[in-house]
Amino acid sequence: MTSILLYGASGRAGTQIRAEAARRGLHVTPAPRTSAPASPAAVTTADPAADVAIRAVYGPDYDAVYVAGTHRLLADLERAGIPRLLVVGLASVLPGPDGTPMFRSPDFPEEWRPFSEARAAELDILRAYEGPVDWALCVPPMTLVADESAGYTYAQLAKALLDEATTPKHHREHYTLEP
């Protein structure tokens, strides 16, 4: 049985991941909230038999969460011996029609640019990582919503993440989910 350490367990994605995991009979340990999203306390208090960590977090301190936090999380997972990390990514970091990331487009909302820049840095950190943790960054469609009638849902995202957690197909890469 797959055992999961879940960062962001009380958020929109995390709540759906926990519910879907329960339906599948998978064990989930919520990573405790700390002042730093990925801290040694969060990993050392985790189920030591966790097969995979899933990171579905949002934090307003973008550097602490997505830049410094990604470095810290990878190091903590290494120390804890958790071999796999799945990260919920962001669609705006993907290339647009001209090949540049969507968030660099002149018509991209300026107020969302710092968040997208931090998420792009997070992906760069993962790509440069050479340690033992096998990672995959899952990019849901831009239309990620709670209401099933309005687009790709958090419940669909949860199913896709748990499919990847139990039957890995992506290794040290980002991949996108189709709407």
N, C-alpha and C. Protein backbone atom coordinates (compact mmCIF):
# COMPACT_ATOMS: atom_id res chain seq x y z
N MET A 1 0.85 -1.18 0.00
CA MET A 1 0.00 0.00 0.00
C MET A 1 0.89 1.24 0.00
N THR A 2 0.55 2.21 -0.80
CA THR A 2 1.30 3.46 -0.88
C THR A 2 0.97 4.33 0.33
N SER A 3 2.01 4.85 0.96
CA SER A 3 1.87 5.76 2.09
C SER A 3 2.34 7.14 1.64
N ILE A 4 1.55 8.16 1.95
CA ILE A 4 1.78 9.50 1.42
C ILE A 4 1.95 10.51 2.53
N LEU A 5 2.99 11.33 2.42
CA LEU A 5 3.17 12.50 3.27
C LEU A 5 2.63 13.68 2.46
N LEU A 6 1.62 14.36 2.98
CA LEU A 6 0.92 15.39 2.21
C LEU A 6 1.15 16.78 2.78
N TYR A 7 1.81 17.62 2.00
CA TYR A 7 1.97 19.04 2.33
C TYR A 7 0.79 19.79 1.72
N GLY A 8 0.11 20.59 2.54
CA GLY A 8 -1.06 21.31 2.06
C GLY A 8 -2.33 20.48 2.22
N ALA A 9 -2.36 19.63 3.22
CA ALA A 9 -3.48 18.70 3.40
C ALA A 9 -4.82 19.38 3.66
N SER A 10 -4.80 20.60 4.16
CA SER A 10 -6.07 21.26 4.46
C SER A 10 -6.52 22.23 3.38
N GLY A 11 -5.75 22.35 2.31
CA GLY A 11 -6.12 23.26 1.22
C GLY A 11 -7.10 22.63 0.25
N ARG A 12 -7.43 23.37 -0.79
CA ARG A 12 -8.40 22.87 -1.79
C ARG A 12 -7.94 21.58 -2.43
N ALA A 13 -6.70 21.52 -2.89
CA ALA A 13 -6.20 20.30 -3.51
C ALA A 13 -5.99 19.22 -2.44
N GLY A 14 -5.40 19.59 -1.31
CA GLY A 14 -5.11 18.63 -0.26
C GLY A 14 -6.34 17.93 0.28
N THR A 15 -7.43 18.67 0.44
CA THR A 15 -8.68 18.08 0.92
C THR A 15 -9.17 17.01 -0.06
N GLN A 16 -9.08 17.30 -1.34
CA GLN A 16 -9.51 16.33 -2.35
C GLN A 16 -8.55 15.14 -2.43
N ILE A 17 -7.26 15.40 -2.24
CA ILE A 17 -6.28 14.30 -2.24
C ILE A 17 -6.57 13.36 -1.07
N ARG A 18 -6.82 13.93 0.11
CA ARG A 18 -7.13 13.09 1.27
C ARG A 18 -8.39 12.27 1.04
N ALA A 19 -9.42 12.88 0.48
CA ALA A 19 -10.68 12.16 0.23
C ALA A 19 -10.49 11.03 -0.78
N GLU A 20 -9.78 11.31 -1.86
CA GLU A 20 -9.55 10.29 -2.88
C GLU A 20 -8.65 9.17 -2.32
N ALA A 21 -7.66 9.53 -1.53
CA ALA A 21 -6.80 8.52 -0.93
C ALA A 21 -7.60 7.61 0.00
N ALA A 22 -8.52 8.18 0.75
CA ALA A 22 -9.37 7.37 1.63
C ALA A 22 -10.21 6.40 0.81
N ARG A 23 -10.76 6.87 -0.32
CA ARG A 23 -11.55 5.99 -1.20
C ARG A 23 -10.71 4.82 -1.71
N ARG A 24 -9.42 5.08 -1.93
CA ARG A 24 -8.54 4.05 -2.47
C ARG A 24 -7.86 3.21 -1.38
N GLY A 25 -8.09 3.56 -0.14
CA GLY A 25 -7.46 2.83 0.95
C GLY A 25 -5.99 3.15 1.14
N LEU A 26 -5.57 4.33 0.72
CA LEU A 26 -4.18 4.74 0.86
C LEU A 26 -4.00 5.49 2.18
N HIS A 27 -2.85 5.32 2.80
CA HIS A 27 -2.53 6.00 4.05
C HIS A 27 -1.94 7.37 3.76
N VAL A 28 -2.52 8.41 4.37
CA VAL A 28 -2.02 9.78 4.20
C VAL A 28 -1.65 10.35 5.56
N THR A 29 -0.46 10.90 5.66
CA THR A 29 -0.04 11.63 6.85
C THR A 29 0.07 13.10 6.46
N PRO A 30 -0.79 13.95 7.02
CA PRO A 30 -0.64 15.38 6.73
C PRO A 30 0.65 15.91 7.35
N ALA A 31 1.44 16.62 6.57
CA ALA A 31 2.63 17.27 7.11
C ALA A 31 2.15 18.41 7.99
N PRO A 32 2.68 18.54 9.19
CA PRO A 32 2.20 19.61 10.07
C PRO A 32 2.54 20.98 9.52
N ARG A 33 1.66 21.93 9.80
CA ARG A 33 1.93 23.31 9.40
C ARG A 33 3.05 23.85 10.27
N THR A 34 3.95 24.54 9.64
CA THR A 34 5.04 25.18 10.36
C THR A 34 5.22 26.57 9.79
N SER A 35 6.07 27.36 10.40
CA SER A 35 6.32 28.69 9.84
C SER A 35 7.03 28.58 8.50
N ALA A 36 7.77 27.50 8.32
CA ALA A 36 8.41 27.24 7.02
C ALA A 36 7.69 26.04 6.41
N PRO A 37 7.15 26.17 5.19
CA PRO A 37 6.36 25.12 4.60
C PRO A 37 7.04 23.76 4.50
N ALA A 38 8.33 23.73 4.33
CA ALA A 38 9.03 22.45 4.31
C ALA A 38 10.12 22.55 5.36
N SER A 39 9.88 21.96 6.51
CA SER A 39 10.86 22.07 7.58
C SER A 39 11.23 20.69 8.08
N PRO A 40 12.38 20.56 8.73
CA PRO A 40 12.75 19.26 9.26
C PRO A 40 11.68 18.69 10.18
N ALA A 41 11.00 19.54 10.94
CA ALA A 41 9.95 19.04 11.84
C ALA A 41 8.84 18.37 11.05
N ALA A 42 8.50 18.93 9.90
CA ALA A 42 7.41 18.36 9.10
C ALA A 42 7.76 16.97 8.60
N VAL A 43 9.01 16.75 8.26
CA VAL A 43 9.41 15.44 7.73
C VAL A 43 9.69 14.47 8.86
N THR A 44 10.36 14.91 9.91
CA THR A 44 10.73 13.97 10.96
C THR A 44 9.52 13.49 11.76
N THR A 45 8.44 14.25 11.77
CA THR A 45 7.24 13.78 12.45
C THR A 45 6.34 12.99 11.52
N ALA A 46 6.77 12.85 10.29
CA ALA A 46 5.98 12.14 9.28
C ALA A 46 6.09 10.64 9.47
N ASP A 47 5.19 9.94 8.81
CA ASP A 47 5.25 8.49 8.78
C ASP A 47 6.58 8.10 8.16
N PRO A 48 7.45 7.43 8.91
CA PRO A 48 8.77 7.11 8.37
C PRO A 48 8.71 6.13 7.20
N ALA A 49 7.58 5.52 6.98
CA ALA A 49 7.46 4.57 5.89
C ALA A 49 6.83 5.21 4.64
N ALA A 50 6.74 6.53 4.60
CA ALA A 50 6.11 7.19 3.46
C ALA A 50 6.85 6.85 2.18
N ASP A 51 6.08 6.48 1.17
CA ASP A 51 6.64 6.16 -0.15
C ASP A 51 6.78 7.39 -1.02
N VAL A 52 5.93 8.37 -0.76
CA VAL A 52 5.90 9.56 -1.62
C VAL A 52 5.42 10.75 -0.79
N ALA A 53 5.98 11.91 -1.10
CA ALA A 53 5.49 13.17 -0.54
C ALA A 53 4.77 13.89 -1.68
N ILE A 54 3.64 14.48 -1.36
CA ILE A 54 2.92 15.31 -2.34
C ILE A 54 2.89 16.72 -1.77
N ARG A 55 3.28 17.67 -2.61
CA ARG A 55 3.31 19.08 -2.21
C ARG A 55 2.25 19.83 -2.99
N ALA A 56 1.18 20.19 -2.29
CA ALA A 56 0.08 20.95 -2.89
C ALA A 56 -0.15 22.17 -2.01
N VAL A 57 0.81 23.08 -2.03
CA VAL A 57 0.78 24.21 -1.09
C VAL A 57 0.71 25.54 -1.81
N TYR A 58 0.16 26.51 -1.10
CA TYR A 58 0.22 27.90 -1.50
C TYR A 58 0.71 28.67 -0.29
N GLY A 59 1.61 29.58 -0.50
CA GLY A 59 2.07 30.45 0.57
C GLY A 59 2.35 31.83 0.01
N PRO A 60 1.98 32.86 0.74
CA PRO A 60 2.18 34.22 0.24
C PRO A 60 3.63 34.67 0.24
N ASP A 61 4.50 34.02 1.00
CA ASP A 61 5.93 34.35 0.98
C ASP A 61 6.57 33.45 -0.08
N TYR A 62 6.52 33.90 -1.31
CA TYR A 62 6.88 33.05 -2.45
C TYR A 62 8.30 32.49 -2.36
N ASP A 63 9.26 33.31 -1.93
CA ASP A 63 10.62 32.80 -1.85
C ASP A 63 10.72 31.70 -0.80
N ALA A 64 10.16 31.93 0.38
CA ALA A 64 10.25 30.94 1.46
C ALA A 64 9.57 29.63 1.07
N VAL A 65 8.47 29.71 0.33
CA VAL A 65 7.73 28.51 -0.02
C VAL A 65 8.31 27.82 -1.25
N TYR A 66 8.48 28.55 -2.33
CA TYR A 66 8.79 27.92 -3.61
C TYR A 66 10.26 27.91 -4.00
N VAL A 67 11.06 28.78 -3.43
CA VAL A 67 12.47 28.82 -3.79
C VAL A 67 13.28 28.18 -2.65
N ALA A 68 13.48 28.91 -1.57
CA ALA A 68 14.21 28.33 -0.43
C ALA A 68 13.49 27.08 0.08
N GLY A 69 12.17 27.11 0.07
CA GLY A 69 11.39 25.97 0.56
C GLY A 69 11.58 24.71 -0.27
N THR A 70 11.80 24.84 -1.55
CA THR A 70 12.01 23.67 -2.41
C THR A 70 13.37 23.04 -2.11
N HIS A 71 14.39 23.86 -1.95
CA HIS A 71 15.71 23.34 -1.57
C HIS A 71 15.61 22.60 -0.23
N ARG A 72 14.95 23.23 0.74
CA ARG A 72 14.81 22.66 2.07
C ARG A 72 14.01 21.36 2.03
N LEU A 73 12.94 21.34 1.27
CA LEU A 73 12.10 20.15 1.18
C LEU A 73 12.87 18.97 0.61
N LEU A 74 13.60 19.19 -0.47
CA LEU A 74 14.38 18.10 -1.06
C LEU A 74 15.40 17.55 -0.07
N ALA A 75 16.08 18.44 0.65
CA ALA A 75 17.06 17.99 1.65
C ALA A 75 16.38 17.21 2.77
N ASP A 76 15.22 17.68 3.21
CA ASP A 76 14.49 17.00 4.28
C ASP A 76 13.99 15.63 3.84
N LEU A 77 13.53 15.53 2.62
CA LEU A 77 13.06 14.23 2.11
C LEU A 77 14.23 13.26 2.00
N GLU A 78 15.38 13.76 1.57
CA GLU A 78 16.58 12.92 1.52
C GLU A 78 16.89 12.36 2.91
N ARG A 79 16.93 13.26 3.92
CA ARG A 79 17.24 12.83 5.29
C ARG A 79 16.23 11.81 5.81
N ALA A 80 14.97 11.99 5.46
CA ALA A 80 13.91 11.09 5.94
C ALA A 80 13.84 9.81 5.13
N GLY A 81 14.54 9.75 4.00
CA GLY A 81 14.51 8.56 3.17
C GLY A 81 13.22 8.39 2.38
N ILE A 82 12.53 9.49 2.14
CA ILE A 82 11.31 9.44 1.31
C ILE A 82 11.76 9.58 -0.14
N PRO A 83 11.54 8.54 -0.96
CA PRO A 83 12.18 8.48 -2.27
C PRO A 83 11.50 9.26 -3.40
N ARG A 84 10.29 9.76 -3.19
CA ARG A 84 9.55 10.36 -4.31
C ARG A 84 8.85 11.62 -3.85
N LEU A 85 8.79 12.61 -4.74
CA LEU A 85 8.10 13.87 -4.50
C LEU A 85 7.25 14.21 -5.71
N LEU A 86 5.98 14.46 -5.46
CA LEU A 86 5.07 14.98 -6.49
C LEU A 86 4.70 16.40 -6.09
N VAL A 87 4.79 17.32 -7.03
CA VAL A 87 4.50 18.73 -6.77
C VAL A 87 3.38 19.17 -7.70
N VAL A 88 2.42 19.90 -7.15
CA VAL A 88 1.39 20.51 -7.99
C VAL A 88 1.97 21.81 -8.53
N GLY A 89 2.10 21.89 -9.84
CA GLY A 89 2.71 23.04 -10.49
C GLY A 89 1.69 24.08 -10.90
N LEU A 90 2.11 24.96 -11.80
CA LEU A 90 1.31 26.10 -12.22
C LEU A 90 1.37 26.25 -13.73
N ALA A 91 0.21 26.35 -14.36
CA ALA A 91 0.13 26.39 -15.82
C ALA A 91 0.79 27.63 -16.43
N SER A 92 0.82 28.73 -15.72
CA SER A 92 1.38 29.95 -16.30
C SER A 92 2.88 29.87 -16.55
N VAL A 93 3.57 28.86 -16.02
CA VAL A 93 5.00 28.73 -16.29
C VAL A 93 5.27 27.97 -17.58
N LEU A 94 4.24 27.40 -18.17
CA LEU A 94 4.39 26.66 -19.42
C LEU A 94 4.58 27.61 -20.59
N PRO A 95 5.20 27.14 -21.66
CA PRO A 95 5.39 27.99 -22.84
C PRO A 95 4.05 28.35 -23.50
N GLY A 96 3.95 29.61 -23.90
CA GLY A 96 2.80 30.04 -24.68
C GLY A 96 3.05 29.76 -26.16
N PRO A 97 2.20 30.28 -27.04
CA PRO A 97 2.32 30.01 -28.47
C PRO A 97 3.67 30.42 -29.07
N ASP A 98 4.31 31.46 -28.50
CA ASP A 98 5.59 31.90 -29.04
C ASP A 98 6.79 31.21 -28.37
N GLY A 99 6.54 30.28 -27.43
CA GLY A 99 7.60 29.54 -26.79
C GLY A 99 8.08 30.11 -25.47
N THR A 100 7.71 31.33 -25.15
CA THR A 100 8.10 31.90 -23.85
C THR A 100 7.03 31.56 -22.81
N PRO A 101 7.42 31.48 -21.55
CA PRO A 101 6.43 31.17 -20.52
C PRO A 101 5.27 32.16 -20.54
N MET A 102 4.09 31.65 -20.32
CA MET A 102 2.88 32.49 -20.39
C MET A 102 2.97 33.71 -19.47
N PHE A 103 3.59 33.53 -18.28
CA PHE A 103 3.63 34.65 -17.34
C PHE A 103 4.53 35.79 -17.82
N ARG A 104 5.35 35.54 -18.84
CA ARG A 104 6.20 36.60 -19.39
C ARG A 104 5.53 37.35 -20.53
N SER A 105 4.34 36.93 -20.88
CA SER A 105 3.57 37.60 -21.94
C SER A 105 3.20 39.01 -21.47
N PRO A 106 3.23 39.99 -22.38
CA PRO A 106 2.91 41.37 -21.98
C PRO A 106 1.49 41.52 -21.45
N ASP A 107 0.57 40.64 -21.85
CA ASP A 107 -0.80 40.79 -21.38
C ASP A 107 -1.10 39.95 -20.13
N PHE A 108 -0.07 39.31 -19.57
CA PHE A 108 -0.26 38.54 -18.34
C PHE A 108 -0.47 39.52 -17.19
N PRO A 109 -1.43 39.28 -16.30
CA PRO A 109 -1.69 40.22 -15.19
C PRO A 109 -0.45 40.42 -14.31
N GLU A 110 -0.05 41.66 -14.19
CA GLU A 110 1.17 42.02 -13.44
C GLU A 110 1.12 41.54 -12.00
N GLU A 111 -0.05 41.57 -11.37
CA GLU A 111 -0.15 41.17 -9.96
C GLU A 111 0.10 39.67 -9.74
N TRP A 112 -0.01 38.88 -10.79
CA TRP A 112 0.22 37.43 -10.67
C TRP A 112 1.65 37.04 -11.08
N ARG A 113 2.37 37.98 -11.66
CA ARG A 113 3.71 37.68 -12.17
C ARG A 113 4.68 37.19 -11.08
N PRO A 114 4.76 37.83 -9.89
CA PRO A 114 5.71 37.35 -8.87
C PRO A 114 5.44 35.90 -8.44
N PHE A 115 4.18 35.52 -8.33
CA PHE A 115 3.83 34.14 -7.98
C PHE A 115 4.31 33.19 -9.06
N SER A 116 4.07 33.53 -10.32
CA SER A 116 4.50 32.69 -11.43
C SER A 116 6.02 32.62 -11.52
N GLU A 117 6.70 33.72 -11.27
CA GLU A 117 8.16 33.71 -11.28
C GLU A 117 8.71 32.76 -10.22
N ALA A 118 8.12 32.77 -9.03
CA ALA A 118 8.57 31.87 -7.97
C ALA A 118 8.30 30.41 -8.35
N ARG A 119 7.16 30.17 -8.99
CA ARG A 119 6.84 28.80 -9.40
C ARG A 119 7.77 28.34 -10.53
N ALA A 120 8.18 29.25 -11.41
CA ALA A 120 9.15 28.90 -12.45
C ALA A 120 10.50 28.59 -11.80
N ALA A 121 10.89 29.36 -10.77
CA ALA A 121 12.13 29.08 -10.05
C ALA A 121 12.07 27.72 -9.37
N GLU A 122 10.91 27.38 -8.83
CA GLU A 122 10.72 26.06 -8.21
C GLU A 122 11.00 24.94 -9.22
N LEU A 123 10.47 25.08 -10.42
CA LEU A 123 10.70 24.07 -11.46
C LEU A 123 12.18 24.03 -11.84
N ASP A 124 12.83 25.19 -11.93
CA ASP A 124 14.26 25.23 -12.24
C ASP A 124 15.08 24.50 -11.16
N ILE A 125 14.70 24.68 -9.90
CA ILE A 125 15.40 24.01 -8.79
C ILE A 125 15.24 22.50 -8.92
N LEU A 126 14.04 22.06 -9.22
CA LEU A 126 13.82 20.62 -9.38
C LEU A 126 14.63 20.08 -10.55
N ARG A 127 14.64 20.80 -11.66
CA ARG A 127 15.40 20.34 -12.83
C ARG A 127 16.90 20.24 -12.55
N ALA A 128 17.41 21.13 -11.73
CA ALA A 128 18.84 21.14 -11.42
C ALA A 128 19.21 20.14 -10.32
N TYR A 129 18.23 19.63 -9.61
CA TYR A 129 18.47 18.73 -8.48
C TYR A 129 19.07 17.41 -8.97
N GLU A 130 20.15 16.97 -8.32
CA GLU A 130 20.82 15.73 -8.70
C GLU A 130 20.81 14.69 -7.61
N GLY A 131 20.04 14.92 -6.54
CA GLY A 131 20.00 14.00 -5.41
C GLY A 131 19.12 12.78 -5.68
N PRO A 132 18.90 11.97 -4.64
CA PRO A 132 18.21 10.70 -4.80
C PRO A 132 16.69 10.76 -4.89
N VAL A 133 16.09 11.87 -4.54
CA VAL A 133 14.62 11.95 -4.56
C VAL A 133 14.14 12.06 -6.00
N ASP A 134 13.31 11.11 -6.41
CA ASP A 134 12.70 11.13 -7.74
C ASP A 134 11.52 12.08 -7.67
N TRP A 135 11.47 13.07 -8.52
CA TRP A 135 10.41 14.07 -8.45
C TRP A 135 9.64 14.13 -9.77
N ALA A 136 8.43 14.64 -9.68
CA ALA A 136 7.62 14.96 -10.85
C ALA A 136 6.77 16.16 -10.47
N LEU A 137 6.64 17.10 -11.39
CA LEU A 137 5.82 18.28 -11.17
C LEU A 137 4.63 18.19 -12.12
N CYS A 138 3.46 18.11 -11.54
CA CYS A 138 2.21 17.94 -12.28
C CYS A 138 1.55 19.30 -12.49
N VAL A 139 1.36 19.67 -13.74
CA VAL A 139 0.77 20.97 -14.05
C VAL A 139 -0.69 20.78 -14.47
N PRO A 140 -1.62 21.21 -13.60
CA PRO A 140 -3.03 21.11 -13.98
C PRO A 140 -3.39 22.21 -14.97
N PRO A 141 -4.52 22.05 -15.65
CA PRO A 141 -4.95 23.11 -16.57
C PRO A 141 -5.16 24.44 -15.83
N MET A 142 -5.07 25.52 -16.58
CA MET A 142 -5.25 26.86 -16.02
C MET A 142 -6.64 27.02 -15.41
N THR A 143 -7.58 26.20 -15.84
CA THR A 143 -8.97 26.32 -15.39
C THR A 143 -9.26 25.45 -14.16
N LEU A 144 -8.30 25.27 -13.26
CA LEU A 144 -8.50 24.46 -12.07
C LEU A 144 -9.52 25.13 -11.15
N VAL A 145 -10.62 24.42 -10.90
CA VAL A 145 -11.73 25.00 -10.13
C VAL A 145 -12.32 23.96 -9.18
N ALA A 146 -13.15 24.43 -8.27
CA ALA A 146 -13.83 23.53 -7.33
C ALA A 146 -15.13 23.00 -7.92
N ASP A 147 -15.80 23.79 -8.77
CA ASP A 147 -17.11 23.44 -9.32
C ASP A 147 -16.96 22.61 -10.60
N GLU A 148 -17.54 21.42 -10.59
CA GLU A 148 -17.41 20.51 -11.73
C GLU A 148 -17.94 21.09 -13.04
N SER A 149 -18.85 22.02 -12.99
CA SER A 149 -19.44 22.56 -14.22
C SER A 149 -18.57 23.64 -14.85
N ALA A 150 -17.49 24.03 -14.18
CA ALA A 150 -16.73 25.19 -14.66
C ALA A 150 -15.34 24.88 -15.18
N GLY A 151 -14.89 23.64 -15.19
CA GLY A 151 -13.55 23.35 -15.69
C GLY A 151 -12.95 22.13 -15.04
N TYR A 152 -11.63 22.05 -15.07
CA TYR A 152 -10.91 20.92 -14.49
C TYR A 152 -10.95 21.07 -12.97
N THR A 153 -11.34 20.03 -12.26
CA THR A 153 -11.59 20.16 -10.82
C THR A 153 -10.43 19.67 -9.96
N TYR A 154 -10.47 20.10 -8.72
CA TYR A 154 -9.50 19.62 -7.73
C TYR A 154 -9.66 18.12 -7.51
N ALA A 155 -10.88 17.61 -7.63
CA ALA A 155 -11.09 16.16 -7.50
C ALA A 155 -10.39 15.42 -8.64
N GLN A 156 -10.44 15.94 -9.85
CA GLN A 156 -9.73 15.32 -10.97
C GLN A 156 -8.22 15.38 -10.76
N LEU A 157 -7.75 16.51 -10.24
CA LEU A 157 -6.33 16.66 -9.94
C LEU A 157 -5.91 15.62 -8.90
N ALA A 158 -6.71 15.43 -7.86
CA ALA A 158 -6.40 14.45 -6.82
C ALA A 158 -6.28 13.05 -7.41
N LYS A 159 -7.20 12.70 -8.27
CA LYS A 159 -7.16 11.37 -8.90
C LYS A 159 -5.88 11.21 -9.73
N ALA A 160 -5.54 12.23 -10.50
CA ALA A 160 -4.34 12.17 -11.34
C ALA A 160 -3.07 12.07 -10.48
N LEU A 161 -3.00 12.82 -9.40
CA LEU A 161 -1.83 12.77 -8.52
C LEU A 161 -1.69 11.40 -7.86
N LEU A 162 -2.80 10.85 -7.40
CA LEU A 162 -2.73 9.54 -6.75
C LEU A 162 -2.46 8.43 -7.74
N ASP A 163 -2.92 8.60 -8.98
CA ASP A 163 -2.53 7.63 -10.02
C ASP A 163 -1.00 7.65 -10.18
N GLU A 164 -0.43 8.84 -10.22
CA GLU A 164 1.02 8.97 -10.37
C GLU A 164 1.75 8.48 -9.13
N ALA A 165 1.17 8.70 -7.96
CA ALA A 165 1.80 8.24 -6.72
C ALA A 165 1.85 6.72 -6.63
N THR A 166 0.80 6.07 -7.12
CA THR A 166 0.73 4.61 -7.00
C THR A 166 1.34 3.88 -8.19
N THR A 167 1.31 4.52 -9.37
CA THR A 167 1.89 3.93 -10.58
C THR A 167 2.69 5.01 -11.30
N PRO A 168 3.92 5.25 -10.85
CA PRO A 168 4.70 6.35 -11.43
C PRO A 168 4.98 6.18 -12.92
N LYS A 169 4.73 7.25 -13.65
CA LYS A 169 5.02 7.28 -15.09
C LYS A 169 5.97 8.43 -15.44
N HIS A 170 6.08 9.38 -14.54
CA HIS A 170 6.88 10.57 -14.79
C HIS A 170 8.01 10.64 -13.77
N HIS A 171 9.23 10.84 -14.27
CA HIS A 171 10.40 10.85 -13.42
C HIS A 171 11.29 12.03 -13.77
N ARG A 172 11.52 12.88 -12.78
CA ARG A 172 12.40 14.05 -12.93
C ARG A 172 12.00 14.90 -14.14
N GLU A 173 10.70 15.16 -14.18
CA GLU A 173 10.15 15.97 -15.28
C GLU A 173 8.85 16.62 -14.82
N HIS A 174 8.46 17.65 -15.57
CA HIS A 174 7.12 18.19 -15.35
C HIS A 174 6.23 17.63 -16.45
N TYR A 175 4.97 17.48 -16.13
CA TYR A 175 4.00 16.99 -17.10
C TYR A 175 2.69 17.73 -16.91
N THR A 176 1.92 17.80 -17.94
CA THR A 176 0.66 18.53 -17.88
C THR A 176 -0.52 17.57 -17.93
N LEU A 177 -1.59 17.99 -17.28
CA LEU A 177 -2.85 17.27 -17.33
C LEU A 177 -3.74 17.96 -18.35
N GLU A 178 -4.40 17.18 -19.14
CA GLU A 178 -5.28 17.75 -20.17
C GLU A 178 -6.63 18.12 -19.58
N PRO A 179 -7.20 19.24 -20.03
CA PRO A 179 -8.52 19.66 -19.52
C PRO A 179 -9.62 18.68 -19.92
